[in-house]
Full PDB file with SEQRES, HELIX, SHEET, SSBOND, CRYST1, ORIGX, SCALE, CONECT and MASTER records, all heavy atoms in Angstrom:
SEQRES   1 A   30  ALA TYR ALA ARG ALA THR GLY TYR PRO VAL GLN TYR GLN          
SEQRES   2 A   30  TRP THR LEU LEU ASP GLY VAL ASN ASP GLY ASP ASP GLU          
SEQRES   3 A   30  ILE ASP GLY ILE                                              
HELIX    1 AA1 TYR A    2  THR A    6  1                                   5    
HELIX    2 AA2 ASP A   24  GLY A   29  1                                   6    
CRYST1    1.000    1.000    1.000  90.00  90.00  90.00 P 1           1          
ORIGX1      1.000000  0.000000  0.000000        0.00000                         
ORIGX2      0.000000  1.000000  0.000000        0.00000                         
ORIGX3      0.000000  0.000000  1.000000        0.00000                         
SCALE1      1.000000  0.000000  0.000000        0.00000                         
SCALE2      0.000000  1.000000  0.000000        0.00000                         
SCALE3      0.000000  0.000000  1.000000        0.00000                         
ATOM      1  N   ALA A   1       0.795  -1.215  -0.033  1.00  0.00           N  
ATOM      2  CA  ALA A   1      -0.029  -0.021  -0.048  1.00  0.00           C  
ATOM      3  C   ALA A   1       0.864   1.334   0.053  1.00  0.00           C  
ATOM      4  O   ALA A   1       0.551   2.200  -0.703  1.00  0.00           O  
ATOM      5  CB  ALA A   1      -0.968   0.057   1.185  1.00  0.00           C  
ATOM      6  N   TYR A   2       1.900   1.211   0.846  1.00  0.00           N  
ATOM      7  CA  TYR A   2       2.754   2.427   0.901  1.00  0.00           C  
ATOM      8  C   TYR A   2       3.512   2.540  -0.516  1.00  0.00           C  
ATOM      9  O   TYR A   2       3.689   3.724  -0.996  1.00  0.00           O  
ATOM     10  CB  TYR A   2       3.818   2.325   2.010  1.00  0.00           C  
ATOM     11  CG  TYR A   2       4.814   3.458   2.128  1.00  0.00           C  
ATOM     12  CD1 TYR A   2       4.353   4.675   2.708  1.00  0.00           C  
ATOM     13  CD2 TYR A   2       6.076   3.283   1.622  1.00  0.00           C  
ATOM     14  CE1 TYR A   2       5.236   5.758   2.773  1.00  0.00           C  
ATOM     15  CE2 TYR A   2       6.945   4.365   1.787  1.00  0.00           C  
ATOM     16  CZ  TYR A   2       6.560   5.660   2.300  1.00  0.00           C  
ATOM     17  OH  TYR A   2       7.484   6.566   2.359  1.00  0.00           O  
ATOM     18  N   ALA A   3       3.988   1.564  -1.029  1.00  0.00           N  
ATOM     19  CA  ALA A   3       4.688   1.594  -2.317  1.00  0.00           C  
ATOM     20  C   ALA A   3       3.815   2.208  -3.407  1.00  0.00           C  
ATOM     21  O   ALA A   3       4.138   2.946  -4.227  1.00  0.00           O  
ATOM     22  CB  ALA A   3       5.194   0.139  -2.663  1.00  0.00           C  
ATOM     23  N   ARG A   4       2.517   1.723  -3.489  1.00  0.00           N  
ATOM     24  CA  ARG A   4       1.735   2.203  -4.529  1.00  0.00           C  
ATOM     25  C   ARG A   4       1.383   3.645  -4.300  1.00  0.00           C  
ATOM     26  O   ARG A   4       1.237   4.447  -5.347  1.00  0.00           O  
ATOM     27  CB  ARG A   4       0.312   1.384  -4.500  1.00  0.00           C  
ATOM     28  CG  ARG A   4       0.608  -0.042  -4.868  1.00  0.00           C  
ATOM     29  CD  ARG A   4       0.907  -0.227  -6.332  1.00  0.00           C  
ATOM     30  NE  ARG A   4       1.115  -1.700  -6.664  1.00  0.00           N  
ATOM     31  CZ  ARG A   4       1.375  -2.154  -7.800  1.00  0.00           C  
ATOM     32  NH1 ARG A   4       1.689  -1.369  -8.872  1.00  0.00           N  
ATOM     33  NH2 ARG A   4       1.514  -3.449  -8.087  1.00  0.00           N  
ATOM     34  N   ALA A   5       1.422   4.055  -3.013  1.00  0.00           N  
ATOM     35  CA  ALA A   5       0.954   5.459  -2.772  1.00  0.00           C  
ATOM     36  C   ALA A   5       2.212   6.501  -3.089  1.00  0.00           C  
ATOM     37  O   ALA A   5       1.998   7.703  -3.581  1.00  0.00           O  
ATOM     38  CB  ALA A   5       0.592   5.701  -1.273  1.00  0.00           C  
ATOM     39  N   THR A   6       3.435   5.979  -2.951  1.00  0.00           N  
ATOM     40  CA  THR A   6       4.564   6.789  -3.211  1.00  0.00           C  
ATOM     41  C   THR A   6       5.216   6.621  -4.567  1.00  0.00           C  
ATOM     42  O   THR A   6       5.913   7.493  -5.079  1.00  0.00           O  
ATOM     43  CB  THR A   6       5.720   6.489  -2.053  1.00  0.00           C  
ATOM     44  OG1 THR A   6       6.112   5.135  -2.238  1.00  0.00           O  
ATOM     45  CG2 THR A   6       5.204   6.756  -0.717  1.00  0.00           C  
ATOM     46  N   GLY A   7       5.012   5.558  -5.200  1.00  0.00           N  
ATOM     47  CA  GLY A   7       5.617   5.217  -6.451  1.00  0.00           C  
ATOM     48  C   GLY A   7       6.981   4.665  -6.270  1.00  0.00           C  
ATOM     49  O   GLY A   7       7.669   4.533  -7.449  1.00  0.00           O  
ATOM     50  N   TYR A   8       7.386   4.325  -5.135  1.00  0.00           N  
ATOM     51  CA  TYR A   8       8.802   3.706  -4.867  1.00  0.00           C  
ATOM     52  C   TYR A   8       8.486   2.294  -4.554  1.00  0.00           C  
ATOM     53  O   TYR A   8       7.838   1.894  -3.588  1.00  0.00           O  
ATOM     54  CB  TYR A   8       9.503   4.369  -3.676  1.00  0.00           C  
ATOM     55  CG  TYR A   8       9.636   5.785  -3.929  1.00  0.00           C  
ATOM     56  CD1 TYR A   8       9.579   6.702  -2.763  1.00  0.00           C  
ATOM     57  CD2 TYR A   8       9.843   6.534  -5.148  1.00  0.00           C  
ATOM     58  CE1 TYR A   8       9.795   8.083  -2.780  1.00  0.00           C  
ATOM     59  CE2 TYR A   8       9.869   7.831  -5.190  1.00  0.00           C  
ATOM     60  CZ  TYR A   8       9.927   8.690  -4.023  1.00  0.00           C  
ATOM     61  OH  TYR A   8      10.151   9.933  -4.114  1.00  0.00           O  
ATOM     62  N   PRO A   9       9.093   1.458  -5.333  1.00  0.00           N  
ATOM     63  CA  PRO A   9       8.979  -0.130  -5.030  1.00  0.00           C  
ATOM     64  C   PRO A   9       9.584  -0.348  -3.626  1.00  0.00           C  
ATOM     65  O   PRO A   9      10.523   0.186  -3.281  1.00  0.00           O  
ATOM     66  CB  PRO A   9       9.707  -0.804  -6.173  1.00  0.00           C  
ATOM     67  CG  PRO A   9      10.620   0.181  -6.704  1.00  0.00           C  
ATOM     68  CD  PRO A   9      10.090   1.533  -6.509  1.00  0.00           C  
ATOM     69  N   VAL A  10       8.880  -1.304  -3.042  1.00  0.00           N  
ATOM     70  CA  VAL A  10       9.397  -1.925  -1.593  1.00  0.00           C  
ATOM     71  C   VAL A  10      10.783  -2.659  -1.895  1.00  0.00           C  
ATOM     72  O   VAL A  10      10.782  -3.373  -2.964  1.00  0.00           O  
ATOM     73  CB  VAL A  10       8.393  -2.870  -0.967  1.00  0.00           C  
ATOM     74  CG1 VAL A  10       8.966  -3.236   0.390  1.00  0.00           C  
ATOM     75  CG2 VAL A  10       7.013  -2.076  -0.685  1.00  0.00           C  
ATOM     76  N   GLN A  11      11.640  -2.410  -1.014  1.00  0.00           N  
ATOM     77  CA  GLN A  11      12.833  -3.281  -1.038  1.00  0.00           C  
ATOM     78  C   GLN A  11      12.688  -4.325   0.013  1.00  0.00           C  
ATOM     79  O   GLN A  11      12.860  -4.005   1.237  1.00  0.00           O  
ATOM     80  CB  GLN A  11      14.109  -2.429  -0.825  1.00  0.00           C  
ATOM     81  CG  GLN A  11      14.276  -1.325  -1.854  1.00  0.00           C  
ATOM     82  CD  GLN A  11      15.443  -0.386  -1.598  1.00  0.00           C  
ATOM     83  OE1 GLN A  11      16.436  -0.859  -1.071  1.00  0.00           O  
ATOM     84  NE2 GLN A  11      15.335   0.859  -1.914  1.00  0.00           N  
ATOM     85  N   TYR A  12      12.444  -5.540  -0.374  1.00  0.00           N  
ATOM     86  CA  TYR A  12      12.331  -6.627   0.508  1.00  0.00           C  
ATOM     87  C   TYR A  12      13.622  -7.254   0.887  1.00  0.00           C  
ATOM     88  O   TYR A  12      14.437  -7.679  -0.036  1.00  0.00           O  
ATOM     89  CB  TYR A  12      11.307  -7.811   0.023  1.00  0.00           C  
ATOM     90  CG  TYR A  12       9.824  -7.345  -0.126  1.00  0.00           C  
ATOM     91  CD1 TYR A  12       9.333  -6.891  -1.268  1.00  0.00           C  
ATOM     92  CD2 TYR A  12       9.067  -7.160   1.046  1.00  0.00           C  
ATOM     93  CE1 TYR A  12       8.070  -6.471  -1.516  1.00  0.00           C  
ATOM     94  CE2 TYR A  12       7.817  -6.662   0.922  1.00  0.00           C  
ATOM     95  CZ  TYR A  12       7.291  -6.401  -0.349  1.00  0.00           C  
ATOM     96  OH  TYR A  12       5.998  -5.888  -0.406  1.00  0.00           O  
ATOM     97  N   GLN A  13      14.034  -7.172   2.071  1.00  0.00           N  
ATOM     98  CA  GLN A  13      15.375  -7.659   2.636  1.00  0.00           C  
ATOM     99  C   GLN A  13      15.283  -9.099   3.058  1.00  0.00           C  
ATOM    100  O   GLN A  13      14.421  -9.476   3.897  1.00  0.00           O  
ATOM    101  CB  GLN A  13      15.798  -6.719   3.667  1.00  0.00           C  
ATOM    102  CG  GLN A  13      15.812  -5.241   3.345  1.00  0.00           C  
ATOM    103  CD  GLN A  13      16.818  -4.782   2.240  1.00  0.00           C  
ATOM    104  OE1 GLN A  13      16.327  -4.744   1.040  1.00  0.00           O  
ATOM    105  NE2 GLN A  13      18.108  -4.828   2.536  1.00  0.00           N  
ATOM    106  N   TRP A  14      16.231  -9.930   2.456  1.00  0.00           N  
ATOM    107  CA  TRP A  14      16.178 -11.240   2.817  1.00  0.00           C  
ATOM    108  C   TRP A  14      17.595 -11.736   3.091  1.00  0.00           C  
ATOM    109  O   TRP A  14      18.426 -11.912   2.152  1.00  0.00           O  
ATOM    110  CB  TRP A  14      15.528 -12.087   1.725  1.00  0.00           C  
ATOM    111  CG  TRP A  14      15.268 -13.571   2.018  1.00  0.00           C  
ATOM    112  CD1 TRP A  14      16.273 -14.527   2.205  1.00  0.00           C  
ATOM    113  CD2 TRP A  14      14.059 -14.179   2.149  1.00  0.00           C  
ATOM    114  NE1 TRP A  14      15.537 -15.676   2.432  1.00  0.00           N  
ATOM    115  CE2 TRP A  14      14.112 -15.472   2.322  1.00  0.00           C  
ATOM    116  CE3 TRP A  14      12.601 -13.697   2.114  1.00  0.00           C  
ATOM    117  CZ2 TRP A  14      13.083 -16.412   2.602  1.00  0.00           C  
ATOM    118  CZ3 TRP A  14      11.584 -14.481   2.270  1.00  0.00           C  
ATOM    119  CH2 TRP A  14      11.934 -15.886   2.522  1.00  0.00           C  
ATOM    120  N   THR A  15      17.936 -11.954   4.429  1.00  0.00           N  
ATOM    121  CA  THR A  15      19.353 -12.326   4.725  1.00  0.00           C  
ATOM    122  C   THR A  15      19.295 -13.791   4.490  1.00  0.00           C  
ATOM    123  O   THR A  15      18.625 -14.596   5.238  1.00  0.00           O  
ATOM    124  CB  THR A  15      19.668 -11.973   6.157  1.00  0.00           C  
ATOM    125  OG1 THR A  15      19.702 -10.521   6.278  1.00  0.00           O  
ATOM    126  CG2 THR A  15      20.991 -12.435   6.504  1.00  0.00           C  
ATOM    127  N   LEU A  16      20.184 -14.389   3.631  1.00  0.00           N  
ATOM    128  CA  LEU A  16      20.301 -15.769   3.275  1.00  0.00           C  
ATOM    129  C   LEU A  16      21.054 -16.452   4.388  1.00  0.00           C  
ATOM    130  O   LEU A  16      22.293 -16.241   4.532  1.00  0.00           O  
ATOM    131  CB  LEU A  16      20.933 -15.996   1.976  1.00  0.00           C  
ATOM    132  CG  LEU A  16      19.936 -15.752   0.710  1.00  0.00           C  
ATOM    133  CD1 LEU A  16      20.843 -15.956  -0.605  1.00  0.00           C  
ATOM    134  CD2 LEU A  16      18.893 -16.910   0.724  1.00  0.00           C  
ATOM    135  N   LEU A  17      20.417 -17.434   5.007  1.00  0.00           N  
ATOM    136  CA  LEU A  17      20.940 -18.237   6.137  1.00  0.00           C  
ATOM    137  C   LEU A  17      21.086 -19.739   5.685  1.00  0.00           C  
ATOM    138  O   LEU A  17      19.992 -20.162   5.455  1.00  0.00           O  
ATOM    139  CB  LEU A  17      20.228 -18.002   7.457  1.00  0.00           C  
ATOM    140  CG  LEU A  17      20.002 -16.573   7.941  1.00  0.00           C  
ATOM    141  CD1 LEU A  17      18.920 -16.604   9.008  1.00  0.00           C  
ATOM    142  CD2 LEU A  17      21.280 -16.016   8.469  1.00  0.00           C  
ATOM    143  N   ASP A  18      22.223 -20.137   5.601  1.00  0.00           N  
ATOM    144  CA  ASP A  18      22.372 -21.494   5.088  1.00  0.00           C  
ATOM    145  C   ASP A  18      21.620 -22.492   5.759  1.00  0.00           C  
ATOM    146  O   ASP A  18      21.799 -22.626   7.029  1.00  0.00           O  
ATOM    147  CB  ASP A  18      23.921 -21.798   5.003  1.00  0.00           C  
ATOM    148  CG  ASP A  18      24.149 -23.144   4.133  1.00  0.00           C  
ATOM    149  OD1 ASP A  18      23.473 -23.353   3.032  1.00  0.00           O  
ATOM    150  OD2 ASP A  18      25.059 -23.876   4.569  1.00  0.00           O  
ATOM    151  N   GLY A  19      20.666 -23.267   5.062  1.00  0.00           N  
ATOM    152  CA  GLY A  19      19.957 -24.287   5.684  1.00  0.00           C  
ATOM    153  C   GLY A  19      18.759 -23.807   6.539  1.00  0.00           C  
ATOM    154  O   GLY A  19      18.016 -24.622   7.158  1.00  0.00           O  
ATOM    155  N   VAL A  20      18.564 -22.540   6.598  1.00  0.00           N  
ATOM    156  CA  VAL A  20      17.430 -21.991   7.492  1.00  0.00           C  
ATOM    157  C   VAL A  20      16.329 -21.464   6.592  1.00  0.00           C  
ATOM    158  O   VAL A  20      15.126 -21.856   6.733  1.00  0.00           O  
ATOM    159  CB  VAL A  20      17.922 -20.944   8.391  1.00  0.00           C  
ATOM    160  CG1 VAL A  20      16.830 -20.280   9.186  1.00  0.00           C  
ATOM    161  CG2 VAL A  20      18.978 -21.413   9.426  1.00  0.00           C  
ATOM    162  N   ASN A  21      16.680 -20.600   5.700  1.00  0.00           N  
ATOM    163  CA  ASN A  21      15.642 -19.933   4.791  1.00  0.00           C  
ATOM    164  C   ASN A  21      16.060 -19.809   3.336  1.00  0.00           C  
ATOM    165  O   ASN A  21      15.610 -18.874   2.673  1.00  0.00           O  
ATOM    166  CB  ASN A  21      15.391 -18.421   5.381  1.00  0.00           C  
ATOM    167  CG  ASN A  21      16.607 -17.561   5.268  1.00  0.00           C  
ATOM    168  OD1 ASN A  21      17.755 -18.030   4.881  1.00  0.00           O  
ATOM    169  ND2 ASN A  21      16.461 -16.259   5.490  1.00  0.00           N  
ATOM    170  N   ASP A  22      16.746 -20.853   2.931  1.00  0.00           N  
ATOM    171  CA  ASP A  22      17.194 -20.825   1.497  1.00  0.00           C  
ATOM    172  C   ASP A  22      16.781 -22.130   0.805  1.00  0.00           C  
ATOM    173  O   ASP A  22      17.286 -22.581  -0.219  1.00  0.00           O  
ATOM    174  CB  ASP A  22      18.655 -20.660   1.392  1.00  0.00           C  
ATOM    175  CG  ASP A  22      19.443 -21.866   2.265  1.00  0.00           C  
ATOM    176  OD1 ASP A  22      18.820 -22.618   2.965  1.00  0.00           O  
ATOM    177  OD2 ASP A  22      20.654 -21.820   2.167  1.00  0.00           O  
ATOM    178  N   GLY A  23      15.745 -22.778   1.340  1.00  0.00           N  
ATOM    179  CA  GLY A  23      15.303 -24.107   0.727  1.00  0.00           C  
ATOM    180  C   GLY A  23      14.154 -23.873  -0.281  1.00  0.00           C  
ATOM    181  O   GLY A  23      13.658 -22.723  -0.611  1.00  0.00           O  
ATOM    182  N   ASP A  24      13.748 -25.007  -0.998  1.00  0.00           N  
ATOM    183  CA  ASP A  24      12.754 -24.969  -1.968  1.00  0.00           C  
ATOM    184  C   ASP A  24      11.406 -24.487  -1.407  1.00  0.00           C  
ATOM    185  O   ASP A  24      10.617 -23.744  -2.212  1.00  0.00           O  
ATOM    186  CB  ASP A  24      12.537 -26.379  -2.500  1.00  0.00           C  
ATOM    187  CG  ASP A  24      13.764 -26.807  -3.325  1.00  0.00           C  
ATOM    188  OD1 ASP A  24      14.638 -25.912  -3.781  1.00  0.00           O  
ATOM    189  OD2 ASP A  24      13.767 -28.037  -3.619  1.00  0.00           O  
ATOM    190  N   ASP A  25      11.132 -24.793  -0.174  1.00  0.00           N  
ATOM    191  CA  ASP A  25       9.875 -24.369   0.378  1.00  0.00           C  
ATOM    192  C   ASP A  25       9.805 -22.804   0.460  1.00  0.00           C  
ATOM    193  O   ASP A  25       8.739 -22.253   0.334  1.00  0.00           O  
ATOM    194  CB  ASP A  25       9.660 -25.005   1.806  1.00  0.00           C  
ATOM    195  CG  ASP A  25      10.765 -24.745   2.772  1.00  0.00           C  
ATOM    196  OD1 ASP A  25      11.898 -24.297   2.239  1.00  0.00           O  
ATOM    197  OD2 ASP A  25      10.586 -25.019   3.938  1.00  0.00           O  
ATOM    198  N   GLU A  26      10.922 -22.188   0.767  1.00  0.00           N  
ATOM    199  CA  GLU A  26      10.946 -20.733   0.937  1.00  0.00           C  
ATOM    200  C   GLU A  26      10.777 -20.090  -0.542  1.00  0.00           C  
ATOM    201  O   GLU A  26      10.146 -19.157  -0.740  1.00  0.00           O  
ATOM    202  CB  GLU A  26      12.136 -20.228   1.631  1.00  0.00           C  
ATOM    203  CG  GLU A  26      12.229 -20.539   3.136  1.00  0.00           C  
ATOM    204  CD  GLU A  26      11.440 -19.539   3.934  1.00  0.00           C  
ATOM    205  OE1 GLU A  26      10.332 -18.994   3.488  1.00  0.00           O  
ATOM    206  OE2 GLU A  26      11.761 -19.249   5.144  1.00  0.00           O  
ATOM    207  N   ILE A  27      11.501 -20.725  -1.348  1.00  0.00           N  
ATOM    208  CA  ILE A  27      11.395 -20.263  -2.871  1.00  0.00           C  
ATOM    209  C   ILE A  27       9.958 -20.297  -3.303  1.00  0.00           C  
ATOM    210  O   ILE A  27       9.392 -19.224  -3.882  1.00  0.00           O  
ATOM    211  CB  ILE A  27      12.275 -21.085  -3.676  1.00  0.00           C  
ATOM    212  CG1 ILE A  27      13.741 -20.835  -3.386  1.00  0.00           C  
ATOM    213  CG2 ILE A  27      12.022 -20.635  -5.211  1.00  0.00           C  
ATOM    214  CD1 ILE A  27      14.775 -21.731  -4.123  1.00  0.00           C  
ATOM    215  N   ASP A  28       9.229 -21.372  -3.013  1.00  0.00           N  
ATOM    216  CA  ASP A  28       7.812 -21.411  -3.380  1.00  0.00           C  
ATOM    217  C   ASP A  28       7.111 -20.401  -2.580  1.00  0.00           C  
ATOM    218  O   ASP A  28       6.096 -19.736  -3.201  1.00  0.00           O  
ATOM    219  CB  ASP A  28       7.302 -22.796  -3.169  1.00  0.00           C  
ATOM    220  CG  ASP A  28       7.962 -23.898  -4.010  1.00  0.00           C  
ATOM    221  OD1 ASP A  28       8.533 -23.577  -5.130  1.00  0.00           O  
ATOM    222  OD2 ASP A  28       7.863 -25.056  -3.661  1.00  0.00           O  
ATOM    223  N   GLY A  29       7.380 -20.252  -1.371  1.00  0.00           N  
ATOM    224  CA  GLY A  29       6.702 -19.164  -0.578  1.00  0.00           C  
ATOM    225  C   GLY A  29       6.842 -17.805  -1.104  1.00  0.00           C  
ATOM    226  O   GLY A  29       5.967 -16.976  -1.084  1.00  0.00           O  
ATOM    227  N   ILE A  30       8.105 -17.424  -1.468  1.00  0.00           N  
ATOM    228  CA  ILE A  30       8.300 -16.107  -2.090  1.00  0.00           C  
ATOM    229  C   ILE A  30       7.537 -15.796  -3.325  1.00  0.00           C  
ATOM    230  O   ILE A  30       6.897 -14.771  -3.436  1.00  0.00           O  
ATOM    231  CB  ILE A  30       9.891 -15.886  -2.366  1.00  0.00           C  
ATOM    232  CG1 ILE A  30      10.698 -15.956  -1.050  1.00  0.00           C  
ATOM    233  CG2 ILE A  30      10.111 -14.743  -3.103  1.00  0.00           C  
ATOM    234  CD1 ILE A  30      12.141 -16.085  -1.200  1.00  0.00           C  
TER     235      ILE A  30                                                      
MASTER        0    0    0    2    0    0    0    6  234    1    0    3          
END                                                                             
């Protein structure tokens, strides 16, 4: 909602942690 109001795309930050949030399930979720 904020991005659409300002015209600036959101920068989603994702710190890649090996074996924690870099699996196929997270890719599908993204």
